[in-house]
All heavy atoms as atom14 arrays in JSON, in Angstrom:
{
  "sequence": "SNRRVFWVGLLVPTLYLWITDALAINTFGIWDISTKYSLPFRPFGL",
  "atom14_mask": [
    [1, 1, 1, 1, 1, 1, 0, 0, 0, 0, 0, 0, 0, 0],
    [1, 1, 1, 1, 1, 1, 1, 1, 0, 0, 0, 0, 0, 0],
    [1, 1, 1, 1, 1, 1, 1, 1, 1, 1, 1, 0, 0, 0],
    [1, 1, 1, 1, 1, 1, 1, 1, 1, 1, 1, 0, 0, 0],
    [1, 1, 1, 1, 1, 1, 1, 0, 0, 0, 0, 0, 0, 0],
    [1, 1, 1, 1, 1, 1, 1, 1, 1, 1, 1, 0, 0, 0],
    [1, 1, 1, 1, 1, 1, 1, 1, 1, 1, 1, 1, 1, 1],
    [1, 1, 1, 1, 1, 1, 1, 0, 0, 0, 0, 0, 0, 0],
    [1, 1, 1, 1, 0, 0, 0, 0, 0, 0, 0, 0, 0, 0],
    [1, 1, 1, 1, 1, 1, 1, 1, 0, 0, 0, 0, 0, 0],
    [1, 1, 1, 1, 1, 1, 1, 1, 0, 0, 0, 0, 0, 0],
    [1, 1, 1, 1, 1, 1, 1, 0, 0, 0, 0, 0, 0, 0],
    [1, 1, 1, 1, 1, 1, 1, 0, 0, 0, 0, 0, 0, 0],
    [1, 1, 1, 1, 1, 1, 1, 0, 0, 0, 0, 0, 0, 0],
    [1, 1, 1, 1, 1, 1, 1, 1, 0, 0, 0, 0, 0, 0],
    [1, 1, 1, 1, 1, 1, 1, 1, 1, 1, 1, 1, 0, 0],
    [1, 1, 1, 1, 1, 1, 1, 1, 0, 0, 0, 0, 0, 0],
    [1, 1, 1, 1, 1, 1, 1, 1, 1, 1, 1, 1, 1, 1],
    [1, 1, 1, 1, 1, 1, 1, 1, 0, 0, 0, 0, 0, 0],
    [1, 1, 1, 1, 1, 1, 1, 0, 0, 0, 0, 0, 0, 0],
    [1, 1, 1, 1, 1, 1, 1, 1, 0, 0, 0, 0, 0, 0],
    [1, 1, 1, 1, 1, 0, 0, 0, 0, 0, 0, 0, 0, 0],
    [1, 1, 1, 1, 1, 1, 1, 1, 0, 0, 0, 0, 0, 0],
    [1, 1, 1, 1, 1, 0, 0, 0, 0, 0, 0, 0, 0, 0],
    [1, 1, 1, 1, 1, 1, 1, 1, 0, 0, 0, 0, 0, 0],
    [1, 1, 1, 1, 1, 1, 1, 1, 0, 0, 0, 0, 0, 0],
    [1, 1, 1, 1, 1, 1, 1, 0, 0, 0, 0, 0, 0, 0],
    [1, 1, 1, 1, 1, 1, 1, 1, 1, 1, 1, 0, 0, 0],
    [1, 1, 1, 1, 0, 0, 0, 0, 0, 0, 0, 0, 0, 0],
    [1, 1, 1, 1, 1, 1, 1, 1, 0, 0, 0, 0, 0, 0],
    [1, 1, 1, 1, 1, 1, 1, 1, 1, 1, 1, 1, 1, 1],
    [1, 1, 1, 1, 1, 1, 1, 1, 0, 0, 0, 0, 0, 0],
    [1, 1, 1, 1, 1, 1, 1, 1, 0, 0, 0, 0, 0, 0],
    [1, 1, 1, 1, 1, 1, 0, 0, 0, 0, 0, 0, 0, 0],
    [1, 1, 1, 1, 1, 1, 1, 0, 0, 0, 0, 0, 0, 0],
    [1, 1, 1, 1, 1, 1, 1, 1, 1, 0, 0, 0, 0, 0],
    [1, 1, 1, 1, 1, 1, 1, 1, 1, 1, 1, 1, 0, 0],
    [1, 1, 1, 1, 1, 1, 0, 0, 0, 0, 0, 0, 0, 0],
    [1, 1, 1, 1, 1, 1, 1, 1, 0, 0, 0, 0, 0, 0],
    [1, 1, 1, 1, 1, 1, 1, 0, 0, 0, 0, 0, 0, 0],
    [1, 1, 1, 1, 1, 1, 1, 1, 1, 1, 1, 0, 0, 0],
    [1, 1, 1, 1, 1, 1, 1, 1, 1, 1, 1, 0, 0, 0],
    [1, 1, 1, 1, 1, 1, 1, 0, 0, 0, 0, 0, 0, 0],
    [1, 1, 1, 1, 1, 1, 1, 1, 1, 1, 1, 0, 0, 0],
    [1, 1, 1, 1, 0, 0, 0, 0, 0, 0, 0, 0, 0, 0],
    [1, 1, 1, 1, 1, 1, 1, 1, 0, 0, 0, 0, 0, 0]
  ],
  "atom14_positions": [
    [[92.14, 101.84, 90.83], [91.3, 100.91, 90.05], [90.63, 99.87, 90.99], [89.55, 99.3, 90.64], [92.11, 100.23, 88.99], [93.17, 99.42, 89.57], [0.0, 0.0, 0.0], [0.0, 0.0, 0.0], [0.0, 0.0, 0.0], [0.0, 0.0, 0.0], [0.0, 0.0, 0.0], [0.0, 0.0, 0.0], [0.0, 0.0, 0.0], [0.0, 0.0, 0.0]],
    [[91.18, 99.61, 92.14], [90.58, 98.76, 93.13], [90.93, 99.33, 94.45], [91.94, 99.06, 95.07], [91.06, 97.3, 93.0], [90.2, 96.38, 93.76], [89.95, 96.54, 94.98], [89.69, 95.34, 93.13], [0.0, 0.0, 0.0], [0.0, 0.0, 0.0], [0.0, 0.0, 0.0], [0.0, 0.0, 0.0], [0.0, 0.0, 0.0], [0.0, 0.0, 0.0]],
    [[89.91, 100.13, 95.0], [90.19, 100.83, 96.24], [90.34, 99.92, 97.41], [90.99, 100.25, 98.44], [89.08, 101.89, 96.46], [89.32, 103.15, 95.57], [88.2, 104.12, 95.66], [87.03, 103.6, 94.9], [85.87, 104.2, 94.83], [85.68, 105.38, 95.47], [84.82, 103.74, 94.11], [0.0, 0.0, 0.0], [0.0, 0.0, 0.0], [0.0, 0.0, 0.0]],
    [[89.64, 98.8, 97.43], [89.73, 97.84, 98.53], [91.11, 97.26, 98.66], [91.72, 97.23, 99.81], [88.69, 96.74, 98.33], [88.57, 95.87, 99.55], [87.27, 95.05, 99.65], [87.03, 94.34, 98.37], [86.11, 93.36, 98.39], [85.42, 93.0, 99.47], [85.84, 92.68, 97.22], [0.0, 0.0, 0.0], [0.0, 0.0, 0.0], [0.0, 0.0, 0.0]],
    [[91.72, 96.87, 97.55], [93.08, 96.44, 97.59], [94.06, 97.54, 98.02], [94.96, 97.35, 98.8], [93.5, 95.88, 96.23], [94.99, 95.49, 96.17], [92.71, 94.63, 95.89], [0.0, 0.0, 0.0], [0.0, 0.0, 0.0], [0.0, 0.0, 0.0], [0.0, 0.0, 0.0], [0.0, 0.0, 0.0], [0.0, 0.0, 0.0], [0.0, 0.0, 0.0]],
    [[93.8, 98.72, 97.54], [94.64, 99.86, 97.87], [94.64, 100.08, 99.36], [95.75, 100.17, 99.99], [94.1, 101.11, 97.08], [94.85, 102.39, 97.44], [96.15, 102.6, 96.94], [94.3, 103.31, 98.36], [96.78, 103.81, 97.29], [94.94, 104.46, 98.69], [96.18, 104.75, 98.22], [0.0, 0.0, 0.0], [0.0, 0.0, 0.0], [0.0, 0.0, 0.0]],
    [[93.49, 100.23, 99.97], [93.43, 100.62, 101.4], [93.82, 99.45, 102.31], [94.66, 99.73, 103.23], [92.08, 101.17, 101.73], [91.71, 102.5, 101.17], [90.8, 102.8, 100.24], [92.37, 103.72, 101.52], [90.89, 104.14, 99.99], [91.8, 104.7, 100.73], [93.4, 104.06, 102.49], [92.15, 106.03, 100.83], [93.71, 105.38, 102.62], [93.17, 106.41, 101.76]],
    [[93.36, 98.24, 102.06], [93.73, 97.18, 102.91], [95.25, 96.84, 102.67], [95.97, 96.52, 103.63], [92.86, 95.95, 102.66], [93.3, 94.77, 103.47], [91.37, 96.26, 102.93], [0.0, 0.0, 0.0], [0.0, 0.0, 0.0], [0.0, 0.0, 0.0], [0.0, 0.0, 0.0], [0.0, 0.0, 0.0], [0.0, 0.0, 0.0], [0.0, 0.0, 0.0]],
    [[95.66, 96.85, 101.42], [97.05, 96.64, 101.13], [97.97, 97.57, 101.79], [99.1, 97.29, 102.2], [0.0, 0.0, 0.0], [0.0, 0.0, 0.0], [0.0, 0.0, 0.0], [0.0, 0.0, 0.0], [0.0, 0.0, 0.0], [0.0, 0.0, 0.0], [0.0, 0.0, 0.0], [0.0, 0.0, 0.0], [0.0, 0.0, 0.0], [0.0, 0.0, 0.0]],
    [[97.52, 98.86, 101.98], [98.33, 99.9, 102.59], [98.3, 99.82, 104.11], [99.34, 99.89, 104.82], [97.86, 101.29, 102.07], [98.47, 102.48, 102.76], [99.98, 102.58, 102.55], [97.76, 103.75, 102.34], [0.0, 0.0, 0.0], [0.0, 0.0, 0.0], [0.0, 0.0, 0.0], [0.0, 0.0, 0.0], [0.0, 0.0, 0.0], [0.0, 0.0, 0.0]],
    [[97.11, 99.77, 104.74], [96.93, 99.99, 106.12], [97.39, 98.75, 106.94], [97.96, 98.98, 108.04], [95.49, 100.3, 106.45], [95.01, 101.64, 105.82], [93.52, 101.89, 106.14], [95.83, 102.79, 106.33], [0.0, 0.0, 0.0], [0.0, 0.0, 0.0], [0.0, 0.0, 0.0], [0.0, 0.0, 0.0], [0.0, 0.0, 0.0], [0.0, 0.0, 0.0]],
    [[97.18, 97.57, 106.48], [97.56, 96.43, 107.35], [99.06, 96.34, 107.57], [99.53, 96.24, 108.78], [97.02, 95.13, 106.76], [97.58, 93.89, 107.47], [95.48, 95.12, 106.83], [0.0, 0.0, 0.0], [0.0, 0.0, 0.0], [0.0, 0.0, 0.0], [0.0, 0.0, 0.0], [0.0, 0.0, 0.0], [0.0, 0.0, 0.0], [0.0, 0.0, 0.0]],
    [[99.99, 96.31, 106.55], [101.37, 96.32, 106.81], [101.86, 97.57, 107.53], [102.79, 97.5, 108.33], [102.0, 96.14, 105.43], [100.99, 96.61, 104.48], [99.67, 96.27, 105.1], [0.0, 0.0, 0.0], [0.0, 0.0, 0.0], [0.0, 0.0, 0.0], [0.0, 0.0, 0.0], [0.0, 0.0, 0.0], [0.0, 0.0, 0.0], [0.0, 0.0, 0.0]],
    [[101.22, 98.71, 107.29], [101.63, 99.99, 107.95], [101.36, 99.82, 109.42], [102.19, 100.19, 110.28], [100.85, 101.12, 107.33], [101.22, 101.22, 105.96], [101.25, 102.44, 108.08], [0.0, 0.0, 0.0], [0.0, 0.0, 0.0], [0.0, 0.0, 0.0], [0.0, 0.0, 0.0], [0.0, 0.0, 0.0], [0.0, 0.0, 0.0], [0.0, 0.0, 0.0]],
    [[100.21, 99.38, 109.8], [99.86, 99.21, 111.21], [100.8, 98.19, 111.88], [101.22, 98.46, 113.03], [98.37, 98.7, 111.36], [97.86, 98.48, 112.79], [97.9, 99.81, 113.57], [96.48, 97.95, 112.8], [0.0, 0.0, 0.0], [0.0, 0.0, 0.0], [0.0, 0.0, 0.0], [0.0, 0.0, 0.0], [0.0, 0.0, 0.0], [0.0, 0.0, 0.0]],
    [[101.14, 97.14, 111.24], [102.02, 96.2, 111.81], [103.44, 96.8, 112.03], [104.01, 96.65, 113.12], [102.15, 94.97, 110.78], [103.13, 93.92, 111.3], [102.77, 93.03, 112.31], [104.44, 93.8, 110.84], [103.64, 92.05, 112.75], [105.37, 92.92, 111.24], [104.93, 91.91, 112.2], [105.77, 91.01, 112.7], [0.0, 0.0, 0.0], [0.0, 0.0, 0.0]],
    [[103.97, 97.53, 111.07], [105.24, 98.17, 111.25], [105.21, 99.32, 112.28], [106.19, 99.58, 112.95], [105.74, 98.67, 109.88], [106.14, 97.61, 108.95], [106.49, 98.12, 107.58], [107.33, 96.77, 109.47], [0.0, 0.0, 0.0], [0.0, 0.0, 0.0], [0.0, 0.0, 0.0], [0.0, 0.0, 0.0], [0.0, 0.0, 0.0], [0.0, 0.0, 0.0]],
    [[104.05, 100.02, 112.4], [103.97, 100.99, 113.48], [104.12, 100.3, 114.83], [104.84, 100.81, 115.7], [102.57, 101.64, 113.43], [102.42, 102.69, 112.34], [103.4, 103.21, 111.54], [101.2, 103.32, 112.0], [102.87, 104.15, 110.71], [101.56, 104.25, 110.93], [99.87, 103.2, 112.43], [100.58, 105.02, 110.34], [98.93, 104.05, 111.82], [99.26, 104.92, 110.81]],
    [[103.54, 99.19, 115.1], [103.57, 98.5, 116.28], [105.02, 98.01, 116.58], [105.61, 98.28, 117.7], [102.6, 97.28, 116.3], [101.17, 97.84, 116.33], [102.85, 96.43, 117.67], [100.12, 96.68, 116.07], [0.0, 0.0, 0.0], [0.0, 0.0, 0.0], [0.0, 0.0, 0.0], [0.0, 0.0, 0.0], [0.0, 0.0, 0.0], [0.0, 0.0, 0.0]],
    [[105.64, 97.37, 115.58], [107.01, 96.87, 115.84], [108.03, 97.98, 115.92], [108.98, 97.88, 116.74], [107.4, 95.93, 114.65], [107.47, 96.68, 113.4], [106.43, 94.8, 114.52], [0.0, 0.0, 0.0], [0.0, 0.0, 0.0], [0.0, 0.0, 0.0], [0.0, 0.0, 0.0], [0.0, 0.0, 0.0], [0.0, 0.0, 0.0], [0.0, 0.0, 0.0]],
    [[107.78, 99.11, 115.26], [108.68, 100.27, 115.35], [108.61, 100.87, 116.79], [109.61, 101.25, 117.38], [108.31, 101.27, 114.29], [109.33, 102.4, 114.21], [110.56, 102.12, 114.42], [108.95, 103.58, 113.99], [0.0, 0.0, 0.0], [0.0, 0.0, 0.0], [0.0, 0.0, 0.0], [0.0, 0.0, 0.0], [0.0, 0.0, 0.0], [0.0, 0.0, 0.0]],
    [[107.44, 100.99, 117.25], [107.23, 101.48, 118.65], [107.94, 100.61, 119.68], [108.56, 101.11, 120.62], [105.79, 101.69, 118.95], [0.0, 0.0, 0.0], [0.0, 0.0, 0.0], [0.0, 0.0, 0.0], [0.0, 0.0, 0.0], [0.0, 0.0, 0.0], [0.0, 0.0, 0.0], [0.0, 0.0, 0.0], [0.0, 0.0, 0.0], [0.0, 0.0, 0.0]],
    [[107.79, 99.33, 119.46], [108.53, 98.37, 120.39], [110.01, 98.52, 120.21], [110.74, 98.53, 121.24], [108.06, 96.91, 120.05], [106.62, 96.58, 120.41], [106.3, 95.19, 119.92], [106.43, 96.61, 121.9], [0.0, 0.0, 0.0], [0.0, 0.0, 0.0], [0.0, 0.0, 0.0], [0.0, 0.0, 0.0], [0.0, 0.0, 0.0], [0.0, 0.0, 0.0]],
    [[110.53, 98.64, 119.0], [111.96, 98.78, 118.79], [112.53, 100.01, 119.42], [113.64, 99.98, 119.96], [112.26, 98.81, 117.26], [0.0, 0.0, 0.0], [0.0, 0.0, 0.0], [0.0, 0.0, 0.0], [0.0, 0.0, 0.0], [0.0, 0.0, 0.0], [0.0, 0.0, 0.0], [0.0, 0.0, 0.0], [0.0, 0.0, 0.0], [0.0, 0.0, 0.0]],
    [[111.78, 101.09, 119.45], [112.25, 102.34, 120.01], [112.07, 102.33, 121.54], [112.99, 102.65, 122.33], [111.46, 103.57, 119.43], [111.86, 103.67, 117.91], [111.85, 104.8, 120.11], [111.01, 104.73, 117.21], [0.0, 0.0, 0.0], [0.0, 0.0, 0.0], [0.0, 0.0, 0.0], [0.0, 0.0, 0.0], [0.0, 0.0, 0.0], [0.0, 0.0, 0.0]],
    [[110.89, 102.02, 122.03], [110.52, 102.25, 123.41], [110.81, 101.11, 124.36], [111.11, 101.28, 125.53], [109.02, 102.58, 123.55], [108.61, 103.85, 122.8], [109.29, 104.86, 122.88], [107.58, 103.77, 121.95], [0.0, 0.0, 0.0], [0.0, 0.0, 0.0], [0.0, 0.0, 0.0], [0.0, 0.0, 0.0], [0.0, 0.0, 0.0], [0.0, 0.0, 0.0]],
    [[110.75, 99.82, 123.78], [110.94, 98.68, 124.65], [112.32, 98.06, 124.47], [112.98, 97.74, 125.51], [109.85, 97.61, 124.3], [108.57, 98.16, 124.44], [110.01, 96.4, 125.24], [0.0, 0.0, 0.0], [0.0, 0.0, 0.0], [0.0, 0.0, 0.0], [0.0, 0.0, 0.0], [0.0, 0.0, 0.0], [0.0, 0.0, 0.0], [0.0, 0.0, 0.0]],
    [[112.8, 97.95, 123.19], [114.07, 97.18, 122.99], [115.25, 98.14, 122.78], [116.37, 97.67, 122.86], [113.83, 96.29, 121.77], [112.68, 95.37, 121.92], [111.66, 95.33, 120.98], [112.59, 94.45, 122.99], [110.61, 94.47, 121.06], [111.49, 93.63, 123.14], [110.49, 93.62, 122.2], [0.0, 0.0, 0.0], [0.0, 0.0, 0.0], [0.0, 0.0, 0.0]],
    [[114.99, 99.4, 122.52], [116.11, 100.38, 122.36], [116.95, 100.04, 121.18], [118.17, 100.29, 121.26], [0.0, 0.0, 0.0], [0.0, 0.0, 0.0], [0.0, 0.0, 0.0], [0.0, 0.0, 0.0], [0.0, 0.0, 0.0], [0.0, 0.0, 0.0], [0.0, 0.0, 0.0], [0.0, 0.0, 0.0], [0.0, 0.0, 0.0], [0.0, 0.0, 0.0]],
    [[116.49, 99.52, 120.05], [117.27, 99.15, 118.92], [117.75, 100.37, 118.2], [118.81, 100.47, 117.69], [116.51, 98.16, 118.01], [116.13, 96.92, 118.78], [117.41, 97.8, 116.8], [115.19, 96.01, 118.09], [0.0, 0.0, 0.0], [0.0, 0.0, 0.0], [0.0, 0.0, 0.0], [0.0, 0.0, 0.0], [0.0, 0.0, 0.0], [0.0, 0.0, 0.0]],
    [[116.81, 101.36, 118.04], [117.2, 102.6, 117.43], [116.36, 103.72, 118.11], [115.5, 103.48, 118.9], [116.9, 102.63, 115.92], [115.54, 102.29, 115.51], [114.39, 103.12, 115.57], [115.01, 101.05, 114.97], [113.28, 102.47, 115.11], [113.63, 101.2, 114.77], [115.61, 99.84, 114.68], [112.82, 100.21, 114.18], [114.85, 98.84, 114.13], [113.43, 99.0, 113.9]],
    [[116.75, 104.95, 117.81], [116.12, 106.03, 118.52], [116.06, 107.23, 117.52], [116.9, 107.37, 116.58], [116.82, 106.5, 119.75], [116.01, 107.53, 120.6], [114.8, 107.44, 120.44], [116.6, 108.28, 121.31], [0.0, 0.0, 0.0], [0.0, 0.0, 0.0], [0.0, 0.0, 0.0], [0.0, 0.0, 0.0], [0.0, 0.0, 0.0], [0.0, 0.0, 0.0]],
    [[115.15, 108.12, 117.7], [114.9, 109.31, 116.9], [115.28, 110.56, 117.7], [114.86, 110.71, 118.86], [113.49, 109.41, 116.42], [112.98, 108.09, 115.83], [113.27, 110.53, 115.43], [113.75, 107.56, 114.66], [0.0, 0.0, 0.0], [0.0, 0.0, 0.0], [0.0, 0.0, 0.0], [0.0, 0.0, 0.0], [0.0, 0.0, 0.0], [0.0, 0.0, 0.0]],
    [[116.05, 111.39, 117.13], [116.51, 112.63, 117.82], [115.31, 113.55, 118.07], [114.52, 113.93, 117.18], [117.55, 113.36, 116.94], [117.83, 114.69, 117.43], [0.0, 0.0, 0.0], [0.0, 0.0, 0.0], [0.0, 0.0, 0.0], [0.0, 0.0, 0.0], [0.0, 0.0, 0.0], [0.0, 0.0, 0.0], [0.0, 0.0, 0.0], [0.0, 0.0, 0.0]],
    [[115.17, 113.98, 119.31], [114.15, 114.92, 119.6], [114.46, 116.34, 119.1], [113.61, 117.13, 118.9], [113.99, 115.04, 121.16], [115.23, 115.33, 121.8], [113.47, 113.67, 121.71], [0.0, 0.0, 0.0], [0.0, 0.0, 0.0], [0.0, 0.0, 0.0], [0.0, 0.0, 0.0], [0.0, 0.0, 0.0], [0.0, 0.0, 0.0], [0.0, 0.0, 0.0]],
    [[115.72, 116.61, 118.78], [116.13, 117.8, 118.27], [115.55, 118.1, 116.88], [115.22, 119.17, 116.56], [117.66, 117.9, 118.22], [118.25, 119.2, 117.56], [119.76, 119.09, 117.56], [120.37, 120.33, 116.87], [121.88, 120.3, 116.81], [0.0, 0.0, 0.0], [0.0, 0.0, 0.0], [0.0, 0.0, 0.0], [0.0, 0.0, 0.0], [0.0, 0.0, 0.0]],
    [[115.45, 116.99, 116.08], [115.06, 117.15, 114.69], [113.65, 116.62, 114.41], [113.29, 116.36, 113.29], [116.01, 116.43, 113.72], [117.39, 117.04, 113.76], [118.52, 116.32, 114.2], [117.67, 118.28, 113.29], [119.78, 116.84, 114.18], [118.86, 118.85, 113.23], [119.98, 118.17, 113.7], [121.22, 118.72, 113.7], [0.0, 0.0, 0.0], [0.0, 0.0, 0.0]],
    [[112.88, 116.29, 115.51], [111.59, 115.77, 115.34], [110.55, 116.58, 116.12], [110.91, 117.19, 117.08], [111.58, 114.28, 115.71], [111.92, 114.1, 117.08], [0.0, 0.0, 0.0], [0.0, 0.0, 0.0], [0.0, 0.0, 0.0], [0.0, 0.0, 0.0], [0.0, 0.0, 0.0], [0.0, 0.0, 0.0], [0.0, 0.0, 0.0], [0.0, 0.0, 0.0]],
    [[109.32, 116.44, 115.7], [108.24, 117.2, 116.34], [107.82, 116.48, 117.66], [108.0, 115.22, 117.8], [107.02, 117.25, 115.41], [107.28, 118.08, 114.12], [106.12, 117.85, 113.12], [107.47, 119.53, 114.4], [0.0, 0.0, 0.0], [0.0, 0.0, 0.0], [0.0, 0.0, 0.0], [0.0, 0.0, 0.0], [0.0, 0.0, 0.0], [0.0, 0.0, 0.0]],
    [[107.26, 117.22, 118.65], [106.97, 116.58, 119.89], [105.59, 115.86, 119.9], [104.86, 115.93, 120.86], [106.93, 117.8, 120.8], [106.48, 118.98, 119.98], [107.09, 118.66, 118.59], [0.0, 0.0, 0.0], [0.0, 0.0, 0.0], [0.0, 0.0, 0.0], [0.0, 0.0, 0.0], [0.0, 0.0, 0.0], [0.0, 0.0, 0.0], [0.0, 0.0, 0.0]],
    [[105.29, 115.09, 118.76], [104.05, 114.4, 118.7], [104.36, 112.93, 118.62], [104.94, 112.52, 117.61], [103.28, 114.84, 117.51], [102.94, 116.28, 117.48], [103.35, 117.11, 116.45], [102.16, 116.91, 118.52], [103.09, 118.45, 116.4], [101.9, 118.27, 118.49], [102.36, 119.01, 117.45], [0.0, 0.0, 0.0], [0.0, 0.0, 0.0], [0.0, 0.0, 0.0]],
    [[104.0, 112.17, 119.64], [104.37, 110.72, 119.68], [103.12, 109.95, 120.11], [103.04, 109.46, 121.23], [105.54, 110.45, 120.66], [106.78, 111.13, 120.2], [108.03, 110.47, 120.84], [109.3, 110.95, 120.27], [110.44, 110.28, 120.35], [110.54, 109.14, 120.96], [111.48, 110.77, 119.76], [0.0, 0.0, 0.0], [0.0, 0.0, 0.0], [0.0, 0.0, 0.0]],
    [[102.17, 109.82, 119.23], [100.94, 109.02, 119.6], [101.31, 107.62, 119.88], [101.98, 106.94, 119.06], [100.05, 109.15, 118.29], [101.02, 109.56, 117.28], [102.1, 110.31, 117.82], [0.0, 0.0, 0.0], [0.0, 0.0, 0.0], [0.0, 0.0, 0.0], [0.0, 0.0, 0.0], [0.0, 0.0, 0.0], [0.0, 0.0, 0.0], [0.0, 0.0, 0.0]],
    [[100.89, 107.12, 121.02], [101.12, 105.74, 121.5], [102.65, 105.49, 121.56], [103.13, 104.32, 121.35], [100.48, 104.7, 120.59], [98.98, 104.96, 120.49], [98.44, 105.52, 119.37], [98.12, 104.56, 121.49], [97.06, 105.74, 119.25], [96.75, 104.74, 121.39], [96.26, 105.3, 120.27], [0.0, 0.0, 0.0], [0.0, 0.0, 0.0], [0.0, 0.0, 0.0]],
    [[103.46, 106.5, 121.8], [104.9, 106.36, 121.94], [105.6, 106.28, 120.61], [106.86, 106.15, 120.57], [0.0, 0.0, 0.0], [0.0, 0.0, 0.0], [0.0, 0.0, 0.0], [0.0, 0.0, 0.0], [0.0, 0.0, 0.0], [0.0, 0.0, 0.0], [0.0, 0.0, 0.0], [0.0, 0.0, 0.0], [0.0, 0.0, 0.0], [0.0, 0.0, 0.0]],
    [[104.9, 106.42, 119.44], [105.58, 106.38, 118.14], [105.74, 107.82, 117.56], [104.74, 108.52, 117.44], [104.64, 105.54, 117.16], [105.23, 105.39, 115.78], [106.47, 104.58, 115.8], [104.16, 104.68, 114.87], [0.0, 0.0, 0.0], [0.0, 0.0, 0.0], [0.0, 0.0, 0.0], [0.0, 0.0, 0.0], [0.0, 0.0, 0.0], [0.0, 0.0, 0.0]]
  ]
}
C-alpha cells in the first residue's frame, strides 16, 4: 500500500545489519558460520 515505506523500511536496517554481521564474523570473531553447511558465496566477506 506504500511501496516507499516498504522498500526504505526494509533495505536500510538490512544494510546496517549486513555491515555489523560481517564485522562480527570477520573482524571480531563473535560467531562463525560453518563452511560445511553453507554455500561458497561470501560477497564482501558476508
